[in-house]
Amino acid sequence: MFQASRLFFLIWLDIKRFFRDTKYVLFIIALPIIFYIIYTAIFPKNANVNGVPWSEYCLISMIAFGIMGNAINLLGTKIADERKKMVYLLESISS
């Protein structure tokens, strides 16, 4: 049981860290939602793409947009920044 509570604590810390960085929140959550609202407002309600209603098709596209945007643009720079901070921390500890 100790491992499960520790895991939930680490997940909670990661969620808090995620929402502290406004760049992540903007590009991963807010931007796809804004695009979804705009695109569903522009096209007619009865539009279909290969038999799928446009609103559902656009929703899946915006979810993929958010995931790919995170993976391509933001996640790599976040990992590099964390590694750089860890290297500086280790250098300061070792000297």
PDB file of N, CA and C in Angstrom:
ATOM      1  N   MET A   1       0.822  -1.194   0.000  1.00  0.00           N
ATOM      2  CA  MET A   1       0.000   0.000   0.000  1.00  0.00           C
ATOM      3  C   MET A   1       0.858   1.246   0.000  1.00  0.00           C
ATOM      4  N   PHE A   2       2.047   1.141   0.601  1.00  0.00           N
ATOM      5  CA  PHE A   2       2.941   2.289   0.654  1.00  0.00           C
ATOM      6  C   PHE A   2       3.322   2.751  -0.748  1.00  0.00           C
ATOM      7  N   GLN A   3       3.547   1.805  -1.642  1.00  0.00           N
ATOM      8  CA  GLN A   3       3.938   2.154  -3.008  1.00  0.00           C
ATOM      9  C   GLN A   3       2.829   2.904  -3.730  1.00  0.00           C
ATOM     10  N   ALA A   4       1.582   2.518  -3.506  1.00  0.00           N
ATOM     11  CA  ALA A   4       0.461   3.181  -4.179  1.00  0.00           C
ATOM     12  C   ALA A   4       0.322   4.615  -3.703  1.00  0.00           C
ATOM     13  N   SER A   5       0.425   4.856  -2.405  1.00  0.00           N
ATOM     14  CA  SER A   5       0.307   6.229  -1.901  1.00  0.00           C
ATOM     15  C   SER A   5       1.474   7.077  -2.385  1.00  0.00           C
ATOM     16  N   ARG A   6       2.640   6.479  -2.475  1.00  0.00           N
ATOM     17  CA  ARG A   6       3.807   7.204  -2.995  1.00  0.00           C
ATOM     18  C   ARG A   6       3.610   7.554  -4.470  1.00  0.00           C
ATOM     19  N   LEU A   7       3.060   6.623  -5.234  1.00  0.00           N
ATOM     20  CA  LEU A   7       2.790   6.869  -6.645  1.00  0.00           C
ATOM     21  C   LEU A   7       1.794   8.009  -6.821  1.00  0.00           C
ATOM     22  N   PHE A   8       0.715   8.000  -6.043  1.00  0.00           N
ATOM     23  CA  PHE A   8      -0.276   9.073  -6.145  1.00  0.00           C
ATOM     24  C   PHE A   8       0.310  10.417  -5.741  1.00  0.00           C
ATOM     25  N   PHE A   9       1.193  10.415  -4.762  1.00  0.00           N
ATOM     26  CA  PHE A   9       1.853  11.654  -4.358  1.00  0.00           C
ATOM     27  C   PHE A   9       2.714  12.196  -5.497  1.00  0.00           C
ATOM     28  N   LEU A  10       3.457  11.322  -6.170  1.00  0.00           N
ATOM     29  CA  LEU A  10       4.293  11.760  -7.290  1.00  0.00           C
ATOM     30  C   LEU A  10       3.444  12.249  -8.459  1.00  0.00           C
ATOM     31  N   ILE A  11       2.328  11.587  -8.707  1.00  0.00           N
ATOM     32  CA  ILE A  11       1.418  12.045  -9.762  1.00  0.00           C
ATOM     33  C   ILE A  11       0.865  13.414  -9.414  1.00  0.00           C
ATOM     34  N   TRP A  12       0.481  13.620  -8.161  1.00  0.00           N
ATOM     35  CA  TRP A  12      -0.036  14.919  -7.715  1.00  0.00           C
ATOM     36  C   TRP A  12       1.023  16.012  -7.892  1.00  0.00           C
ATOM     37  N   LEU A  13       2.272  15.718  -7.548  1.00  0.00           N
ATOM     38  CA  LEU A  13       3.342  16.702  -7.728  1.00  0.00           C
ATOM     39  C   LEU A  13       3.546  17.033  -9.204  1.00  0.00           C
ATOM     40  N   ASP A  14       3.472  16.022 -10.056  1.00  0.00           N
ATOM     41  CA  ASP A  14       3.653  16.255 -11.485  1.00  0.00           C
ATOM     42  C   ASP A  14       2.517  17.097 -12.056  1.00  0.00           C
ATOM     43  N   ILE A  15       1.301  16.866 -11.612  1.00  0.00           N
ATOM     44  CA  ILE A  15       0.159  17.667 -12.072  1.00  0.00           C
ATOM     45  C   ILE A  15       0.315  19.116 -11.626  1.00  0.00           C
ATOM     46  N   LYS A  16       0.735  19.331 -10.386  1.00  0.00           N
ATOM     47  CA  LYS A  16       0.954  20.695  -9.897  1.00  0.00           C
ATOM     48  C   LYS A  16       2.042  21.392 -10.711  1.00  0.00           C
ATOM     49  N   ARG A  17       3.114  20.672 -11.010  1.00  0.00           N
ATOM     50  CA  ARG A  17       4.203  21.251 -11.798  1.00  0.00           C
ATOM     51  C   ARG A  17       3.733  21.584 -13.210  1.00  0.00           C
ATOM     52  N   PHE A  18       2.902  20.731 -13.770  1.00  0.00           N
ATOM     53  CA  PHE A  18       2.375  20.965 -15.112  1.00  0.00           C
ATOM     54  C   PHE A  18       1.576  22.261 -15.168  1.00  0.00           C
ATOM     55  N   PHE A  19       0.690  22.474 -14.219  1.00  0.00           N
ATOM     56  CA  PHE A  19      -0.172  23.653 -14.255  1.00  0.00           C
ATOM     57  C   PHE A  19       0.537  24.931 -13.827  1.00  0.00           C
ATOM     58  N   ARG A  20       1.711  24.831 -13.245  1.00  0.00           N
ATOM     59  CA  ARG A  20       2.481  26.034 -12.920  1.00  0.00           C
ATOM     60  C   ARG A  20       3.082  26.667 -14.161  1.00  0.00           C
ATOM     61  N   ASP A  21       3.363  25.856 -15.160  1.00  0.00           N
ATOM     62  CA  ASP A  21       3.966  26.369 -16.394  1.00  0.00           C
ATOM     63  C   ASP A  21       2.844  26.754 -17.354  1.00  0.00           C
ATOM     64  N   THR A  22       2.592  28.054 -17.484  1.00  0.00           N
ATOM     65  CA  THR A  22       1.464  28.522 -18.297  1.00  0.00           C
ATOM     66  C   THR A  22       1.643  28.215 -19.776  1.00  0.00           C
ATOM     67  N   LYS A  23       2.879  28.101 -20.228  1.00  0.00           N
ATOM     68  CA  LYS A  23       3.122  27.772 -21.633  1.00  0.00           C
ATOM     69  C   LYS A  23       2.533  26.402 -21.967  1.00  0.00           C
ATOM     70  N   TYR A  24       2.712  25.435 -21.083  1.00  0.00           N
ATOM     71  CA  TYR A  24       2.147  24.113 -21.300  1.00  0.00           C
ATOM     72  C   TYR A  24       0.629  24.152 -21.303  1.00  0.00           C
ATOM     73  N   VAL A  25       0.074  24.818 -20.333  1.00  0.00           N
ATOM     74  CA  VAL A  25      -1.381  24.873 -20.235  1.00  0.00           C
ATOM     75  C   VAL A  25      -1.967  25.536 -21.472  1.00  0.00           C
ATOM     76  N   LEU A  26      -1.333  26.594 -21.940  1.00  0.00           N
ATOM     77  CA  LEU A  26      -1.834  27.304 -23.111  1.00  0.00           C
ATOM     78  C   LEU A  26      -1.754  26.442 -24.363  1.00  0.00           C
ATOM     79  N   PHE A  27      -0.605  25.870 -24.643  1.00  0.00           N
ATOM     80  CA  PHE A  27      -0.424  25.159 -25.902  1.00  0.00           C
ATOM     81  C   PHE A  27      -1.017  23.756 -25.914  1.00  0.00           C
ATOM     82  N   ILE A  28      -1.123  23.118 -24.778  1.00  0.00           N
ATOM     83  CA  ILE A  28      -1.606  21.739 -24.769  1.00  0.00           C
ATOM     84  C   ILE A  28      -3.099  21.648 -24.491  1.00  0.00           C
ATOM     85  N   ILE A  29      -3.616  22.535 -23.668  1.00  0.00           N
ATOM     86  CA  ILE A  29      -5.027  22.446 -23.294  1.00  0.00           C
ATOM     87  C   ILE A  29      -5.864  23.541 -23.947  1.00  0.00           C
ATOM     88  N   ALA A  30      -5.471  24.791 -23.767  1.00  0.00           N
ATOM     89  CA  ALA A  30      -6.317  25.906 -24.207  1.00  0.00           C
ATOM     90  C   ALA A  30      -6.361  26.054 -25.727  1.00  0.00           C
ATOM     91  N   LEU A  31      -5.235  25.944 -26.394  1.00  0.00           N
ATOM     92  CA  LEU A  31      -5.201  26.157 -27.843  1.00  0.00           C
ATOM     93  C   LEU A  31      -6.066  25.151 -28.607  1.00  0.00           C
ATOM     94  N   PRO A  32      -5.978  23.839 -28.337  1.00  0.00           N
ATOM     95  CA  PRO A  32      -6.888  22.918 -29.030  1.00  0.00           C
ATOM     96  C   PRO A  32      -8.365  23.175 -28.726  1.00  0.00           C
ATOM     97  N   ILE A  33      -8.680  23.590 -27.498  1.00  0.00           N
ATOM     98  CA  ILE A  33     -10.074  23.902 -27.170  1.00  0.00           C
ATOM     99  C   ILE A  33     -10.554  25.109 -27.962  1.00  0.00           C
ATOM    100  N   ILE A  34      -9.711  26.132 -28.059  1.00  0.00           N
ATOM    101  CA  ILE A  34     -10.067  27.331 -28.833  1.00  0.00           C
ATOM    102  C   ILE A  34     -10.243  26.981 -30.307  1.00  0.00           C
ATOM    103  N   PHE A  35      -9.319  26.191 -30.861  1.00  0.00           N
ATOM    104  CA  PHE A  35      -9.447  25.774 -32.258  1.00  0.00           C
ATOM    105  C   PHE A  35     -10.725  24.970 -32.473  1.00  0.00           C
ATOM    106  N   TYR A  36     -11.050  24.083 -31.542  1.00  0.00           N
ATOM    107  CA  TYR A  36     -12.265  23.276 -31.666  1.00  0.00           C
ATOM    108  C   TYR A  36     -13.501  24.165 -31.701  1.00  0.00           C
ATOM    109  N   ILE A  37     -13.559  25.133 -30.823  1.00  0.00           N
ATOM    110  CA  ILE A  37     -14.712  26.040 -30.788  1.00  0.00           C
ATOM    111  C   ILE A  37     -14.816  26.829 -32.088  1.00  0.00           C
ATOM    112  N   ILE A  38     -13.689  27.328 -32.577  1.00  0.00           N
ATOM    113  CA  ILE A  38     -13.698  28.107 -33.823  1.00  0.00           C
ATOM    114  C   ILE A  38     -14.118  27.231 -35.002  1.00  0.00           C
ATOM    115  N   TYR A  39     -13.503  26.061 -35.142  1.00  0.00           N
ATOM    116  CA  TYR A  39     -13.782  25.209 -36.299  1.00  0.00           C
ATOM    117  C   TYR A  39     -15.203  24.659 -36.295  1.00  0.00           C
ATOM    118  N   THR A  40     -15.744  24.354 -35.142  1.00  0.00           N
ATOM    119  CA  THR A  40     -17.118  23.858 -35.117  1.00  0.00           C
ATOM    120  C   THR A  40     -18.121  24.986 -35.319  1.00  0.00           C
ATOM    121  N   ALA A  41     -17.734  26.216 -35.018  1.00  0.00           N
ATOM    122  CA  ALA A  41     -18.635  27.351 -35.253  1.00  0.00           C
ATOM    123  C   ALA A  41     -18.636  27.759 -36.724  1.00  0.00           C
ATOM    124  N   ILE A  42     -17.518  27.574 -37.413  1.00  0.00           N
ATOM    125  CA  ILE A  42     -17.402  27.991 -38.814  1.00  0.00           C
ATOM    126  C   ILE A  42     -18.208  27.075 -39.736  1.00  0.00           C
ATOM    127  N   PHE A  43     -18.078  25.775 -39.554  1.00  0.00           N
ATOM    128  CA  PHE A  43     -18.703  24.820 -40.463  1.00  0.00           C
ATOM    129  C   PHE A  43     -20.137  24.525 -40.033  1.00  0.00           C
ATOM    130  N   PRO A  44     -20.987  24.142 -40.994  1.00  0.00           N
ATOM    131  CA  PRO A  44     -22.390  23.852 -40.652  1.00  0.00           C
ATOM    132  C   PRO A  44     -22.504  22.647 -39.718  1.00  0.00           C
ATOM    133  N   LYS A  45     -23.583  22.633 -38.956  1.00  0.00           N
ATOM    134  CA  LYS A  45     -23.785  21.574 -37.956  1.00  0.00           C
ATOM    135  C   LYS A  45     -24.000  20.200 -38.590  1.00  0.00           C
ATOM    136  N   ASN A  46     -24.519  20.164 -39.817  1.00  0.00           N
ATOM    137  CA  ASN A  46     -24.811  18.872 -40.438  1.00  0.00           C
ATOM    138  C   ASN A  46     -23.692  18.396 -41.365  1.00  0.00           C
ATOM    139  N   ALA A  47     -22.522  19.017 -41.315  1.00  0.00           N
ATOM    140  CA  ALA A  47     -21.401  18.598 -42.161  1.00  0.00           C
ATOM    141  C   ALA A  47     -20.863  17.253 -41.680  1.00  0.00           C
ATOM    142  N   ASN A  48     -20.512  16.390 -42.647  1.00  0.00           N
ATOM    143  CA  ASN A  48     -19.972  15.066 -42.348  1.00  0.00           C
ATOM    144  C   ASN A  48     -18.645  14.873 -43.058  1.00  0.00           C
ATOM    145  N   VAL A  49     -17.760  14.106 -42.432  1.00  0.00           N
ATOM    146  CA  VAL A  49     -16.495  13.708 -43.045  1.00  0.00           C
ATOM    147  C   VAL A  49     -16.470  12.186 -43.032  1.00  0.00           C
ATOM    148  N   ASN A  50     -16.614  11.581 -44.207  1.00  0.00           N
ATOM    149  CA  ASN A  50     -16.666  10.122 -44.347  1.00  0.00           C
ATOM    150  C   ASN A  50     -17.710   9.495 -43.426  1.00  0.00           C
ATOM    151  N   GLY A  51     -18.852  10.133 -43.309  1.00  0.00           N
ATOM    152  CA  GLY A  51     -19.936   9.608 -42.493  1.00  0.00           C
ATOM    153  C   GLY A  51     -19.862   9.961 -41.017  1.00  0.00           C
ATOM    154  N   VAL A  52     -18.810  10.654 -40.613  1.00  0.00           N
ATOM    155  CA  VAL A  52     -18.650  11.054 -39.209  1.00  0.00           C
ATOM    156  C   VAL A  52     -19.027  12.524 -39.086  1.00  0.00           C
ATOM    157  N   PRO A  53     -19.840  12.891 -38.102  1.00  0.00           N
ATOM    158  CA  PRO A  53     -20.178  14.311 -37.938  1.00  0.00           C
ATOM    159  C   PRO A  53     -18.929  15.166 -37.730  1.00  0.00           C
ATOM    160  N   TRP A  54     -18.959  16.370 -38.301  1.00  0.00           N
ATOM    161  CA  TRP A  54     -17.794  17.246 -38.266  1.00  0.00           C
ATOM    162  C   TRP A  54     -17.337  17.544 -36.841  1.00  0.00           C
ATOM    163  N   SER A  55     -18.255  17.740 -35.914  1.00  0.00           N
ATOM    164  CA  SER A  55     -17.863  18.077 -34.542  1.00  0.00           C
ATOM    165  C   SER A  55     -17.056  16.946 -33.899  1.00  0.00           C
ATOM    166  N   GLU A  56     -17.434  15.698 -34.152  1.00  0.00           N
ATOM    167  CA  GLU A  56     -16.685  14.560 -33.611  1.00  0.00           C
ATOM    168  C   GLU A  56     -15.337  14.417 -34.300  1.00  0.00           C
ATOM    169  N   TYR A  57     -15.314  14.598 -35.605  1.00  0.00           N
ATOM    170  CA  TYR A  57     -14.073  14.497 -36.367  1.00  0.00           C
ATOM    171  C   TYR A  57     -13.082  15.567 -35.914  1.00  0.00           C
ATOM    172  N   CYS A  58     -13.583  16.769 -35.718  1.00  0.00           N
ATOM    173  CA  CYS A  58     -12.729  17.870 -35.287  1.00  0.00           C
ATOM    174  C   CYS A  58     -12.229  17.650 -33.859  1.00  0.00           C
ATOM    175  N   LEU A  59     -13.057  17.075 -33.001  1.00  0.00           N
ATOM    176  CA  LEU A  59     -12.650  16.813 -31.623  1.00  0.00           C
ATOM    177  C   LEU A  59     -11.464  15.859 -31.579  1.00  0.00           C
ATOM    178  N   ILE A  60     -11.539  14.785 -32.344  1.00  0.00           N
ATOM    179  CA  ILE A  60     -10.432  13.829 -32.393  1.00  0.00           C
ATOM    180  C   ILE A  60      -9.186  14.494 -32.962  1.00  0.00           C
ATOM    181  N   SER A  61      -9.354  15.333 -33.973  1.00  0.00           N
ATOM    182  CA  SER A  61      -8.216  16.040 -34.558  1.00  0.00           C
ATOM    183  C   SER A  61      -7.552  16.964 -33.550  1.00  0.00           C
ATOM    184  N   MET A  62      -8.336  17.656 -32.748  1.00  0.00           N
ATOM    185  CA  MET A  62      -7.771  18.586 -31.768  1.00  0.00           C
ATOM    186  C   MET A  62      -7.104  17.848 -30.610  1.00  0.00           C
ATOM    187  N   ILE A  63      -7.617  16.674 -30.252  1.00  0.00           N
ATOM    188  CA  ILE A  63      -6.942  15.856 -29.241  1.00  0.00           C
ATOM    189  C   ILE A  63      -5.579  15.419 -29.761  1.00  0.00           C
ATOM    190  N   ALA A  64      -5.541  14.968 -31.005  1.00  0.00           N
ATOM    191  CA  ALA A  64      -4.268  14.581 -31.611  1.00  0.00           C
ATOM    192  C   ALA A  64      -3.331  15.778 -31.730  1.00  0.00           C
ATOM    193  N   PHE A  65      -3.872  16.947 -32.046  1.00  0.00           N
ATOM    194  CA  PHE A  65      -3.075  18.170 -32.136  1.00  0.00           C
ATOM    195  C   PHE A  65      -2.412  18.484 -30.797  1.00  0.00           C
ATOM    196  N   GLY A  66      -3.154  18.375 -29.714  1.00  0.00           N
ATOM    197  CA  GLY A  66      -2.598  18.645 -28.392  1.00  0.00           C
ATOM    198  C   GLY A  66      -1.520  17.650 -28.002  1.00  0.00           C
ATOM    199  N   ILE A  67      -1.751  16.377 -28.279  1.00  0.00           N
ATOM    200  CA  ILE A  67      -0.773  15.346 -27.932  1.00  0.00           C
ATOM    201  C   ILE A  67       0.493  15.504 -28.760  1.00  0.00           C
ATOM    202  N   MET A  68       0.340  15.691 -30.067  1.00  0.00           N
ATOM    203  CA  MET A  68       1.514  15.837 -30.930  1.00  0.00           C
ATOM    204  C   MET A  68       2.255  17.143 -30.657  1.00  0.00           C
ATOM    205  N   GLY A  69       1.509  18.197 -30.364  1.00  0.00           N
ATOM    206  CA  GLY A  69       2.163  19.461 -30.022  1.00  0.00           C
ATOM    207  C   GLY A  69       3.018  19.324 -28.784  1.00  0.00           C
ATOM    208  N   ASN A  70       2.529  18.594 -27.809  1.00  0.00           N
ATOM    209  CA  ASN A  70       3.298  18.340 -26.599  1.00  0.00           C
ATOM    210  C   ASN A  70       4.538  17.520 -26.916  1.00  0.00           C
ATOM    211  N   ALA A  71       4.363  16.456 -27.668  1.00  0.00           N
ATOM    212  CA  ALA A  71       5.476  15.558 -27.948  1.00  0.00           C
ATOM    213  C   ALA A  71       6.556  16.216 -28.791  1.00  0.00           C
ATOM    214  N   ILE A  72       6.160  17.001 -29.770  1.00  0.00           N
ATOM    215  CA  ILE A  72       7.136  17.573 -30.696  1.00  0.00           C
ATOM    216  C   ILE A  72       7.782  18.842 -30.155  1.00  0.00           C
ATOM    217  N   ASN A  73       6.988  19.761 -29.656  1.00  0.00           N
ATOM    218  CA  ASN A  73       7.514  21.080 -29.315  1.00  0.00           C
ATOM    219  C   ASN A  73       7.935  21.234 -27.868  1.00  0.00           C
ATOM    220  N   LEU A  74       7.095  20.839 -26.950  1.00  0.00           N
ATOM    221  CA  LEU A  74       7.308  21.235 -25.571  1.00  0.00           C
ATOM    222  C   LEU A  74       8.008  20.191 -24.716  1.00  0.00           C
ATOM    223  N   LEU A  75       7.724  18.925 -24.935  1.00  0.00           N
ATOM    224  CA  LEU A  75       8.272  17.894 -24.069  1.00  0.00           C
ATOM    225  C   LEU A  75       9.792  17.815 -24.175  1.00  0.00           C
ATOM    226  N   GLY A  76      10.321  17.899 -25.382  1.00  0.00           N
ATOM    227  CA  GLY A  76      11.771  17.828 -25.561  1.00  0.00           C
ATOM    228  C   GLY A  76      12.503  18.964 -24.877  1.00  0.00           C
ATOM    229  N   THR A  77      11.987  20.175 -25.007  1.00  0.00           N
ATOM    230  CA  THR A  77      12.643  21.307 -24.352  1.00  0.00           C
ATOM    231  C   THR A  77      12.516  21.209 -22.837  1.00  0.00           C
ATOM    232  N   LYS A  78      11.397  20.705 -22.347  1.00  0.00           N
ATOM    233  CA  LYS A  78      11.214  20.539 -20.899  1.00  0.00           C
ATOM    234  C   LYS A  78      12.215  19.526 -20.351  1.00  0.00           C
ATOM    235  N   ILE A  79      12.399  18.418 -21.043  1.00  0.00           N
ATOM    236  CA  ILE A  79      13.352  17.399 -20.593  1.00  0.00           C
ATOM    237  C   ILE A  79      14.770  17.948 -20.633  1.00  0.00           C
ATOM    238  N   ALA A  80      15.113  18.675 -21.691  1.00  0.00           N
ATOM    239  CA  ALA A  80      16.453  19.257 -21.788  1.00  0.00           C
ATOM    240  C   ALA A  80      16.701  20.262 -20.670  1.00  0.00           C
ATOM    241  N   ASP A  81      15.720  21.077 -20.359  1.00  0.00           N
ATOM    242  CA  ASP A  81      15.870  22.043 -19.265  1.00  0.00           C
ATOM    243  C   ASP A  81      16.045  21.341 -17.924  1.00  0.00           C
ATOM    244  N   GLU A  82      15.278  20.290 -17.689  1.00  0.00           N
ATOM    245  CA  GLU A  82      15.410  19.559 -16.426  1.00  0.00           C
ATOM    246  C   GLU A  82      16.769  18.887 -16.321  1.00  0.00           C
ATOM    247  N   ARG A  83      17.275  18.346 -17.413  1.00  0.00           N
ATOM    248  CA  ARG A  83      18.603  17.728 -17.381  1.00  0.00           C
ATOM    249  C   ARG A  83      19.684  18.772 -17.127  1.00  0.00           C
ATOM    250  N   LYS A  84      19.535  19.943 -17.746  1.00  0.00           N
ATOM    251  CA  LYS A  84      20.510  21.008 -17.537  1.00  0.00           C
ATOM    252  C   LYS A  84      20.520  21.440 -16.072  1.00  0.00           C
ATOM    253  N   LYS A  85      19.342  21.583 -15.487  1.00  0.00           N
ATOM    254  CA  LYS A  85      19.262  21.956 -14.072  1.00  0.00           C
ATOM    255  C   LYS A  85      19.889  20.882 -13.193  1.00  0.00           C
ATOM    256  N   MET A  86      19.674  19.616 -13.543  1.00  0.00           N
ATOM    257  CA  MET A  86      20.247  18.534 -12.752  1.00  0.00           C
ATOM    258  C   MET A  86      21.767  18.526 -12.870  1.00  0.00           C
ATOM    259  N   VAL A  87      22.297  18.807 -14.062  1.00  0.00           N
ATOM    260  CA  VAL A  87      23.746  18.863 -14.245  1.00  0.00           C
ATOM    261  C   VAL A  87      24.326  19.989 -13.408  1.00  0.00           C
ATOM    262  N   TYR A  88      23.699  21.151 -13.429  1.00  0.00           N
ATOM    263  CA  TYR A  88      24.182  22.267 -12.615  1.00  0.00           C
ATOM    264  C   TYR A  88      24.093  21.942 -11.128  1.00  0.00           C
ATOM    265  N   LEU A  89      23.040  21.261 -10.727  1.00  0.00           N
ATOM    266  CA  LEU A  89      22.893  20.877  -9.330  1.00  0.00           C
ATOM    267  C   LEU A  89      23.993  19.911  -8.924  1.00  0.00           C
ATOM    268  N   LEU A  90      24.261  18.926  -9.775  1.00  0.00           N
ATOM    269  CA  LEU A  90      25.315  17.962  -9.467  1.00  0.00           C
ATOM    270  C   LEU A  90      26.686  18.622  -9.451  1.00  0.00           C
ATOM    271  N   GLU A  91      26.926  19.588 -10.348  1.00  0.00           N
ATOM    272  CA  GLU A  91      28.202  20.302 -10.346  1.00  0.00           C
ATOM    273  C   GLU A  91      28.375  21.111  -9.070  1.00  0.00           C
ATOM    274  N   SER A  92      27.310  21.757  -8.616  1.00  0.00           N
ATOM    275  CA  SER A  92      27.414  22.558  -7.397  1.00  0.00           C
ATOM    276  C   SER A  92      27.603  21.673  -6.164  1.00  0.00           C
ATOM    277  N   ILE A  93      27.009  20.494  -6.169  1.00  0.00           N
ATOM    278  CA  ILE A  93      27.167  19.584  -5.036  1.00  0.00           C
ATOM    279  C   ILE A  93      28.574  19.007  -5.008  1.00  0.00           C
ATOM    280  N   SER A  94      29.111  18.672  -6.179  1.00  0.00           N
ATOM    281  CA  SER A  94      30.419  18.018  -6.230  1.00  0.00           C
ATOM    282  C   SER A  94      31.572  18.980  -5.983  1.00  0.00           C
ATOM    283  N   SER A  95      31.366  20.298  -6.159  1.00  0.00           N
ATOM    284  CA  SER A  95      32.488  21.219  -5.941  1.00  0.00           C
ATOM    285  C   SER A  95      32.601  21.685  -4.524  1.00  0.00           C
TER     286      SER A  95
END
